[in-house]
């Protein structure tokens, strides 16, 4: 089982939230900040290098293309240019199509407001379904990325933990099949008992995601900073 010292090290080394890395202030609850993160989540949702998604978002930021109306105004050719510049060349056409479809639907249904979308649904599952309904290219991975960092900001943002989060948490003995409660409940209960000062549950979840993706999945046990707490030795 992961101990407090190991948890502190894990969260401090791997727990940076992607929105924080991009300079997006979700805690402000401002519409423009939430939209910035939505755009970033769409970029992160493709099977592409994390560094390419970050670089591409920075290109959108530099050009001031950070609102539904601006994406629509930029048009397909302009979006392909920005995507290519950021390193999205393999998915440029498909992503430009996706962005235009999603933004047109967001404007038509909700006046471009993601907060209005959130307020109009009854529960977390309905929220996920409504976001996916904005466009064919918005899948569960993108929705999970988007809502994960909105925990505590949006009342209905309660996505299930991603598979890599669960993988890492199982290896560390945080999630157990013989304990009552689903994966999210067990994670929340563990964090409530062992929280690290000045860090949030989202930092904890982000750390487990990176641990599961970059270490557990690849069996990079010798390089893992919390290997001494792991139940699976490789």
Foldseek 3Di string as FASTA:
>chain_A
DQDLVNLVVLLVVQQDQPLVVLVQDCLVVDQLSLQLLLQLLLLVLDPDDPQLSSQLSVLCVVVVCRFLVSLLVCALVSQLVSSVVSPNPVCSNVSSVFSNQLSVLCCVPPVRGLVSLLVPDDALVRSLVSSCVSGVSDDPSSLLSSLLVCVVVRPRSDDDQDPQLVLQCVQLVQDDPPDDDDPSVSLVVVCVVNPDPPDDSSSSSSSSNCCSVVDVVVVVLVPDPRNVSTPDHD
